[in-house]
Amino acid sequence: DPDAARRAIESLILSGNNPDDWGKLIDDALSHKGTKSIDALFLFRLRNAVGASKADDLTMQAGLAAQQHLDKEAATVLEEGINSGKLTSGQATGLSAARGNAARDAGVLNSVAAAANSSKNGQAALALAEDYWGYGRYADVEAMARLASQKGGLKDPGEATMLLGMAQVMQGKNAEAQATLGGVTGAEPRTRAAHLWSLYAQVKAKGAAAPAAH
């Protein structure tokens, strides 16, 4: 019974918050047929946040981010991988390109923000919210995700709700995050990602400390 197995691992996470257990749940979610690139990216971001990313996970996350023109995120993930010793410079292919694109991107962030605020629909605000994630600007992610939802006209409205909840988790707004993520609807890969991020909010709310890596 796959559902029973998932629940058992979730119980272990709530009591011990072990990165290996997180890895099993995230691998299971990623294996779902029909998982879109954006949902995979949400799951790799979670894997990174809970300390369960290995070398292949970091290069996958960077690749997914780069595909979606989130160059700052791609560069940051690869740089952190090298600095932590999880990646060698040789494994971090695409780092120089991501750095160059990110530098150009940083130069236009303010004008993009102005355009997002004045746009009739929320698509530009949603794109900017995704961009801010790579900078670790989670309060700005939250603000832009809210703006995107308020303006409407989104190709994927659930993406804004997911980002809002994820940004709340990263800021320690754990109760708000669980409420937000509980409202995510759509295909199973999206709702599974929302559920796992909500689980992370529960863990953070409990203050369960991750065991030291060996």
C-alpha atoms as a PDB file:
ATOM      1  CA  ASP A   1       0.000   0.000   0.000  1.00  0.00           C
ATOM      2  CA  PRO A   2       1.947   3.051  -1.243  1.00  0.00           C
ATOM      3  CA  ASP A   3      -0.207   5.494   0.740  1.00  0.00           C
ATOM      4  CA  ALA A   4       0.426   3.607   3.978  1.00  0.00           C
ATOM      5  CA  ALA A   5       4.156   3.557   3.232  1.00  0.00           C
ATOM      6  CA  ARG A   6       4.127   7.330   2.651  1.00  0.00           C
ATOM      7  CA  ARG A   7       2.259   7.939   5.887  1.00  0.00           C
ATOM      8  CA  ALA A   8       4.762   5.798   7.790  1.00  0.00           C
ATOM      9  CA  ILE A   9       7.687   7.824   6.401  1.00  0.00           C
ATOM     10  CA  GLU A  10       5.857  11.073   7.174  1.00  0.00           C
ATOM     11  CA  SER A  11       5.509   9.949  10.797  1.00  0.00           C
ATOM     12  CA  LEU A  12       9.243   9.278  10.910  1.00  0.00           C
ATOM     13  CA  ILE A  13       9.928  12.754   9.515  1.00  0.00           C
ATOM     14  CA  LEU A  14       7.684  14.407  12.085  1.00  0.00           C
ATOM     15  CA  SER A  15       9.574  12.635  14.883  1.00  0.00           C
ATOM     16  CA  GLY A  16      13.128  12.670  13.512  1.00  0.00           C
ATOM     17  CA  ASN A  17      13.331  14.976  10.453  1.00  0.00           C
ATOM     18  CA  ASN A  18      15.940  12.769   8.777  1.00  0.00           C
ATOM     19  CA  PRO A  19      17.107  13.963   5.328  1.00  0.00           C
ATOM     20  CA  ASP A  20      17.165  10.349   4.045  1.00  0.00           C
ATOM     21  CA  ASP A  21      13.464   9.966   4.858  1.00  0.00           C
ATOM     22  CA  TRP A  22      12.745  13.246   3.098  1.00  0.00           C
ATOM     23  CA  GLY A  23      14.676  11.963   0.082  1.00  0.00           C
ATOM     24  CA  LYS A  24      12.452   8.861  -0.134  1.00  0.00           C
ATOM     25  CA  LEU A  25       9.234  10.915  -0.099  1.00  0.00           C
ATOM     26  CA  ILE A  26      10.542  13.443  -2.613  1.00  0.00           C
ATOM     27  CA  ASP A  27      11.825  10.684  -4.939  1.00  0.00           C
ATOM     28  CA  ASP A  28       8.389   9.082  -4.748  1.00  0.00           C
ATOM     29  CA  ALA A  29       6.691  12.370  -5.655  1.00  0.00           C
ATOM     30  CA  LEU A  30       9.116  13.040  -8.530  1.00  0.00           C
ATOM     31  CA  SER A  31       8.429   9.583  -9.983  1.00  0.00           C
ATOM     32  CA  HIS A  32       4.765  10.439 -10.610  1.00  0.00           C
ATOM     33  CA  LYS A  33       3.921  10.393 -14.328  1.00  0.00           C
ATOM     34  CA  GLY A  34       2.902  13.776 -15.633  1.00  0.00           C
ATOM     35  CA  THR A  35       5.092  15.781 -13.243  1.00  0.00           C
ATOM     36  CA  LYS A  36       5.675  19.139 -14.932  1.00  0.00           C
ATOM     37  CA  SER A  37       9.033  20.918 -14.808  1.00  0.00           C
ATOM     38  CA  ILE A  38       7.722  23.557 -12.406  1.00  0.00           C
ATOM     39  CA  ASP A  39       6.417  20.913  -9.977  1.00  0.00           C
ATOM     40  CA  ALA A  40       9.736  19.070 -10.160  1.00  0.00           C
ATOM     41  CA  LEU A  41      11.481  22.365  -9.361  1.00  0.00           C
ATOM     42  CA  PHE A  42       9.215  22.869  -6.317  1.00  0.00           C
ATOM     43  CA  LEU A  43      10.267  19.407  -5.093  1.00  0.00           C
ATOM     44  CA  PHE A  44      13.979  19.985  -5.700  1.00  0.00           C
ATOM     45  CA  ARG A  45      13.725  23.286  -3.802  1.00  0.00           C
ATOM     46  CA  LEU A  46      12.234  21.360  -0.898  1.00  0.00           C
ATOM     47  CA  ARG A  47      14.958  18.721  -1.103  1.00  0.00           C
ATOM     48  CA  ASN A  48      17.540  21.483  -0.868  1.00  0.00           C
ATOM     49  CA  ALA A  49      15.743  23.206   2.024  1.00  0.00           C
ATOM     50  CA  VAL A  50      15.613  20.011   4.122  1.00  0.00           C
ATOM     51  CA  GLY A  51      19.257  19.149   3.464  1.00  0.00           C
ATOM     52  CA  ALA A  52      18.552  16.057   1.368  1.00  0.00           C
ATOM     53  CA  SER A  53      20.186  17.172  -1.915  1.00  0.00           C
ATOM     54  CA  LYS A  54      23.060  15.151  -3.330  1.00  0.00           C
ATOM     55  CA  ALA A  55      25.204  16.045  -6.355  1.00  0.00           C
ATOM     56  CA  ASP A  56      22.706  14.815  -8.973  1.00  0.00           C
ATOM     57  CA  ASP A  57      19.851  16.634  -7.234  1.00  0.00           C
ATOM     58  CA  LEU A  58      21.724  19.935  -7.289  1.00  0.00           C
ATOM     59  CA  THR A  59      22.560  19.669 -10.986  1.00  0.00           C
ATOM     60  CA  MET A  60      18.950  18.690 -11.734  1.00  0.00           C
ATOM     61  CA  GLN A  61      17.607  21.660  -9.780  1.00  0.00           C
ATOM     62  CA  ALA A  62      20.026  24.020 -11.515  1.00  0.00           C
ATOM     63  CA  GLY A  63      19.070  22.585 -14.910  1.00  0.00           C
ATOM     64  CA  LEU A  64      15.343  22.968 -14.250  1.00  0.00           C
ATOM     65  CA  ALA A  65      15.881  26.537 -13.031  1.00  0.00           C
ATOM     66  CA  ALA A  66      17.972  27.424 -16.093  1.00  0.00           C
ATOM     67  CA  GLN A  67      15.307  25.966 -18.426  1.00  0.00           C
ATOM     68  CA  GLN A  68      12.829  28.402 -16.897  1.00  0.00           C
ATOM     69  CA  HIS A  69      15.270  31.332 -17.159  1.00  0.00           C
ATOM     70  CA  LEU A  70      15.772  31.416 -13.378  1.00  0.00           C
ATOM     71  CA  ASP A  71      19.491  31.946 -13.806  1.00  0.00           C
ATOM     72  CA  LYS A  72      20.214  33.345 -10.342  1.00  0.00           C
ATOM     73  CA  GLU A  73      18.723  30.210  -8.790  1.00  0.00           C
ATOM     74  CA  ALA A  74      20.746  27.977 -11.121  1.00  0.00           C
ATOM     75  CA  ALA A  75      23.960  29.810 -10.260  1.00  0.00           C
ATOM     76  CA  THR A  76      23.249  29.878  -6.511  1.00  0.00           C
ATOM     77  CA  VAL A  77      22.451  26.152  -6.344  1.00  0.00           C
ATOM     78  CA  LEU A  78      25.664  25.232  -8.174  1.00  0.00           C
ATOM     79  CA  GLU A  79      27.800  27.644  -6.128  1.00  0.00           C
ATOM     80  CA  GLU A  80      26.388  26.334  -2.852  1.00  0.00           C
ATOM     81  CA  GLY A  81      26.986  22.783  -4.067  1.00  0.00           C
ATOM     82  CA  ILE A  82      30.657  23.549  -4.726  1.00  0.00           C
ATOM     83  CA  ASN A  83      31.078  25.436  -1.434  1.00  0.00           C
ATOM     84  CA  SER A  84      29.554  22.560   0.545  1.00  0.00           C
ATOM     85  CA  GLY A  85      31.740  19.985  -1.190  1.00  0.00           C
ATOM     86  CA  LYS A  86      28.742  18.183  -2.695  1.00  0.00           C
ATOM     87  CA  LEU A  87      29.743  19.237  -6.221  1.00  0.00           C
ATOM     88  CA  THR A  88      33.071  19.538  -7.978  1.00  0.00           C
ATOM     89  CA  SER A  89      33.663  22.421 -10.376  1.00  0.00           C
ATOM     90  CA  GLY A  90      33.574  19.867 -13.188  1.00  0.00           C
ATOM     91  CA  GLN A  91      30.106  18.699 -12.175  1.00  0.00           C
ATOM     92  CA  ALA A  92      28.780  22.265 -12.070  1.00  0.00           C
ATOM     93  CA  THR A  93      28.416  22.553 -15.819  1.00  0.00           C
ATOM     94  CA  GLY A  94      26.529  25.638 -16.870  1.00  0.00           C
ATOM     95  CA  LEU A  95      27.711  27.702 -13.896  1.00  0.00           C
ATOM     96  CA  SER A  96      29.527  30.356 -15.926  1.00  0.00           C
ATOM     97  CA  ALA A  97      26.551  30.755 -18.281  1.00  0.00           C
ATOM     98  CA  ALA A  98      24.139  30.962 -15.351  1.00  0.00           C
ATOM     99  CA  ARG A  99      26.335  33.570 -13.640  1.00  0.00           C
ATOM    100  CA  GLY A 100      26.473  35.699 -16.782  1.00  0.00           C
ATOM    101  CA  ASN A 101      22.734  35.514 -17.355  1.00  0.00           C
ATOM    102  CA  ALA A 102      22.050  36.195 -13.672  1.00  0.00           C
ATOM    103  CA  ALA A 103      24.229  39.304 -13.740  1.00  0.00           C
ATOM    104  CA  ARG A 104      22.245  40.677 -16.698  1.00  0.00           C
ATOM    105  CA  ASP A 105      19.014  39.710 -14.958  1.00  0.00           C
ATOM    106  CA  ALA A 106      19.977  41.532 -11.749  1.00  0.00           C
ATOM    107  CA  GLY A 107      20.429  44.737 -13.721  1.00  0.00           C
ATOM    108  CA  VAL A 108      16.804  44.808 -14.844  1.00  0.00           C
ATOM    109  CA  LEU A 109      15.060  43.528 -11.687  1.00  0.00           C
ATOM    110  CA  ASN A 110      13.808  46.982 -10.686  1.00  0.00           C
ATOM    111  CA  SER A 111      12.336  47.714 -14.102  1.00  0.00           C
ATOM    112  CA  VAL A 112      10.745  44.245 -14.166  1.00  0.00           C
ATOM    113  CA  ALA A 113       9.189  44.981 -10.757  1.00  0.00           C
ATOM    114  CA  ALA A 114       7.760  48.256 -12.050  1.00  0.00           C
ATOM    115  CA  ALA A 115       6.301  46.454 -15.079  1.00  0.00           C
ATOM    116  CA  ALA A 116       4.837  43.724 -12.860  1.00  0.00           C
ATOM    117  CA  ASN A 117       3.132  46.298 -10.652  1.00  0.00           C
ATOM    118  CA  SER A 118       1.602  48.163 -13.602  1.00  0.00           C
ATOM    119  CA  SER A 119       0.636  45.094 -15.663  1.00  0.00           C
ATOM    120  CA  LYS A 120      -3.066  44.336 -16.101  1.00  0.00           C
ATOM    121  CA  ASN A 121      -2.601  40.636 -15.329  1.00  0.00           C
ATOM    122  CA  GLY A 122      -0.453  38.782 -12.807  1.00  0.00           C
ATOM    123  CA  GLN A 123       1.848  36.856 -15.134  1.00  0.00           C
ATOM    124  CA  ALA A 124       4.762  39.305 -14.821  1.00  0.00           C
ATOM    125  CA  ALA A 125       4.419  39.365 -11.027  1.00  0.00           C
ATOM    126  CA  LEU A 126       4.466  35.559 -10.952  1.00  0.00           C
ATOM    127  CA  ALA A 127       7.625  35.438 -13.090  1.00  0.00           C
ATOM    128  CA  LEU A 128       9.265  37.963 -10.768  1.00  0.00           C
ATOM    129  CA  ALA A 129       8.227  35.955  -7.698  1.00  0.00           C
ATOM    130  CA  GLU A 130       9.992  32.909  -9.191  1.00  0.00           C
ATOM    131  CA  ASP A 131      13.041  35.054  -9.932  1.00  0.00           C
ATOM    132  CA  TYR A 132      13.221  36.393  -6.378  1.00  0.00           C
ATOM    133  CA  TRP A 133      13.385  32.808  -5.068  1.00  0.00           C
ATOM    134  CA  GLY A 134      16.909  32.469  -6.434  1.00  0.00           C
ATOM    135  CA  TYR A 135      17.969  35.559  -4.495  1.00  0.00           C
ATOM    136  CA  GLY A 136      16.564  34.171  -1.248  1.00  0.00           C
ATOM    137  CA  ARG A 137      14.218  37.174  -1.106  1.00  0.00           C
ATOM    138  CA  TYR A 138      11.322  35.203   0.359  1.00  0.00           C
ATOM    139  CA  ALA A 139       9.349  38.210   1.628  1.00  0.00           C
ATOM    140  CA  ASP A 140       9.440  39.578  -1.930  1.00  0.00           C
ATOM    141  CA  VAL A 141       8.452  36.161  -3.307  1.00  0.00           C
ATOM    142  CA  GLU A 142       5.450  36.248  -0.983  1.00  0.00           C
ATOM    143  CA  ALA A 143       4.481  39.805  -1.975  1.00  0.00           C
ATOM    144  CA  MET A 144       4.746  39.140  -5.712  1.00  0.00           C
ATOM    145  CA  ALA A 145       2.921  35.801  -5.502  1.00  0.00           C
ATOM    146  CA  ARG A 146       0.063  37.592  -3.701  1.00  0.00           C
ATOM    147  CA  LEU A 147       0.056  40.346  -6.330  1.00  0.00           C
ATOM    148  CA  ALA A 148      -0.019  37.752  -9.123  1.00  0.00           C
ATOM    149  CA  SER A 149      -3.056  36.056  -7.578  1.00  0.00           C
ATOM    150  CA  GLN A 150      -4.831  39.378  -7.004  1.00  0.00           C
ATOM    151  CA  LYS A 151      -4.298  40.542 -10.586  1.00  0.00           C
ATOM    152  CA  GLY A 152      -5.337  37.156 -12.015  1.00  0.00           C
ATOM    153  CA  GLY A 153      -5.116  36.155 -15.657  1.00  0.00           C
ATOM    154  CA  LEU A 154      -2.498  33.509 -14.821  1.00  0.00           C
ATOM    155  CA  LYS A 155      -1.763  30.548 -17.091  1.00  0.00           C
ATOM    156  CA  ASP A 156      -1.196  28.454 -13.935  1.00  0.00           C
ATOM    157  CA  PRO A 157      -2.967  30.067 -10.938  1.00  0.00           C
ATOM    158  CA  GLY A 158      -1.864  27.243  -8.633  1.00  0.00           C
ATOM    159  CA  GLU A 159       1.790  28.151  -9.200  1.00  0.00           C
ATOM    160  CA  ALA A 160       1.220  31.471  -7.406  1.00  0.00           C
ATOM    161  CA  THR A 161      -0.471  29.715  -4.468  1.00  0.00           C
ATOM    162  CA  MET A 162       2.371  27.183  -4.232  1.00  0.00           C
ATOM    163  CA  LEU A 163       5.019  29.904  -4.300  1.00  0.00           C
ATOM    164  CA  LEU A 164       3.163  31.903  -1.665  1.00  0.00           C
ATOM    165  CA  GLY A 165       3.032  28.901   0.671  1.00  0.00           C
ATOM    166  CA  MET A 166       6.659  27.959   0.022  1.00  0.00           C
ATOM    167  CA  ALA A 167       7.818  31.517   0.717  1.00  0.00           C
ATOM    168  CA  GLN A 168       5.837  31.520   3.960  1.00  0.00           C
ATOM    169  CA  VAL A 169       7.571  28.289   5.041  1.00  0.00           C
ATOM    170  CA  MET A 170      10.990  29.780   4.291  1.00  0.00           C
ATOM    171  CA  GLN A 171      10.131  32.791   6.464  1.00  0.00           C
ATOM    172  CA  GLY A 172       8.962  30.611   9.367  1.00  0.00           C
ATOM    173  CA  LYS A 173       5.288  31.556   8.901  1.00  0.00           C
ATOM    174  CA  ASN A 174       4.419  27.926   9.420  1.00  0.00           C
ATOM    175  CA  ALA A 175       0.718  28.129  10.322  1.00  0.00           C
ATOM    176  CA  GLU A 176       0.019  30.533   7.441  1.00  0.00           C
ATOM    177  CA  ALA A 177       1.986  28.292   5.098  1.00  0.00           C
ATOM    178  CA  GLN A 178      -0.040  25.209   6.029  1.00  0.00           C
ATOM    179  CA  ALA A 179      -3.274  27.115   5.396  1.00  0.00           C
ATOM    180  CA  THR A 180      -2.020  28.397   2.033  1.00  0.00           C
ATOM    181  CA  LEU A 181      -0.674  25.043   0.872  1.00  0.00           C
ATOM    182  CA  GLY A 182      -3.868  23.304   1.978  1.00  0.00           C
ATOM    183  CA  GLY A 183      -5.657  25.368  -0.653  1.00  0.00           C
ATOM    184  CA  VAL A 184      -3.512  24.145  -3.557  1.00  0.00           C
ATOM    185  CA  THR A 185      -5.560  22.184  -6.078  1.00  0.00           C
ATOM    186  CA  GLY A 186      -4.829  20.580  -9.427  1.00  0.00           C
ATOM    187  CA  ALA A 187      -3.119  17.461 -10.697  1.00  0.00           C
ATOM    188  CA  GLU A 188      -1.571  15.006  -8.249  1.00  0.00           C
ATOM    189  CA  PRO A 189       2.062  16.087  -8.784  1.00  0.00           C
ATOM    190  CA  ARG A 190       1.120  19.630  -7.710  1.00  0.00           C
ATOM    191  CA  THR A 191      -0.957  18.575  -4.705  1.00  0.00           C
ATOM    192  CA  ARG A 192       1.777  16.119  -3.654  1.00  0.00           C
ATOM    193  CA  ALA A 193       4.362  18.916  -3.764  1.00  0.00           C
ATOM    194  CA  ALA A 194       2.039  21.141  -1.714  1.00  0.00           C
ATOM    195  CA  HIS A 195       1.531  18.357   0.826  1.00  0.00           C
ATOM    196  CA  LEU A 196       5.265  17.832   1.281  1.00  0.00           C
ATOM    197  CA  TRP A 197       5.947  21.540   1.693  1.00  0.00           C
ATOM    198  CA  SER A 198       3.143  21.614   4.267  1.00  0.00           C
ATOM    199  CA  LEU A 199       4.833  18.699   6.054  1.00  0.00           C
ATOM    200  CA  TYR A 200       8.021  20.776   6.172  1.00  0.00           C
ATOM    201  CA  ALA A 201       6.037  23.631   7.749  1.00  0.00           C
ATOM    202  CA  GLN A 202       4.785  21.166  10.393  1.00  0.00           C
ATOM    203  CA  VAL A 203       8.337  20.027  11.101  1.00  0.00           C
ATOM    204  CA  LYS A 204       9.550  23.623  11.396  1.00  0.00           C
ATOM    205  CA  ALA A 205       6.641  24.486  13.676  1.00  0.00           C
ATOM    206  CA  LYS A 206       7.618  21.607  15.967  1.00  0.00           C
ATOM    207  CA  GLY A 207      11.205  22.802  15.960  1.00  0.00           C
ATOM    208  CA  ALA A 208      12.495  19.337  15.155  1.00  0.00           C
ATOM    209  CA  ALA A 209      16.218  19.683  14.612  1.00  0.00           C
ATOM    210  CA  ALA A 210      17.748  17.806  11.702  1.00  0.00           C
ATOM    211  CA  PRO A 211      20.357  15.271  12.844  1.00  0.00           C
ATOM    212  CA  ALA A 212      23.947  16.051  11.988  1.00  0.00           C
ATOM    213  CA  ALA A 213      25.038  14.724   8.604  1.00  0.00           C
ATOM    214  CA  HIS A 214      27.663  11.996   8.612  1.00  0.00           C
END
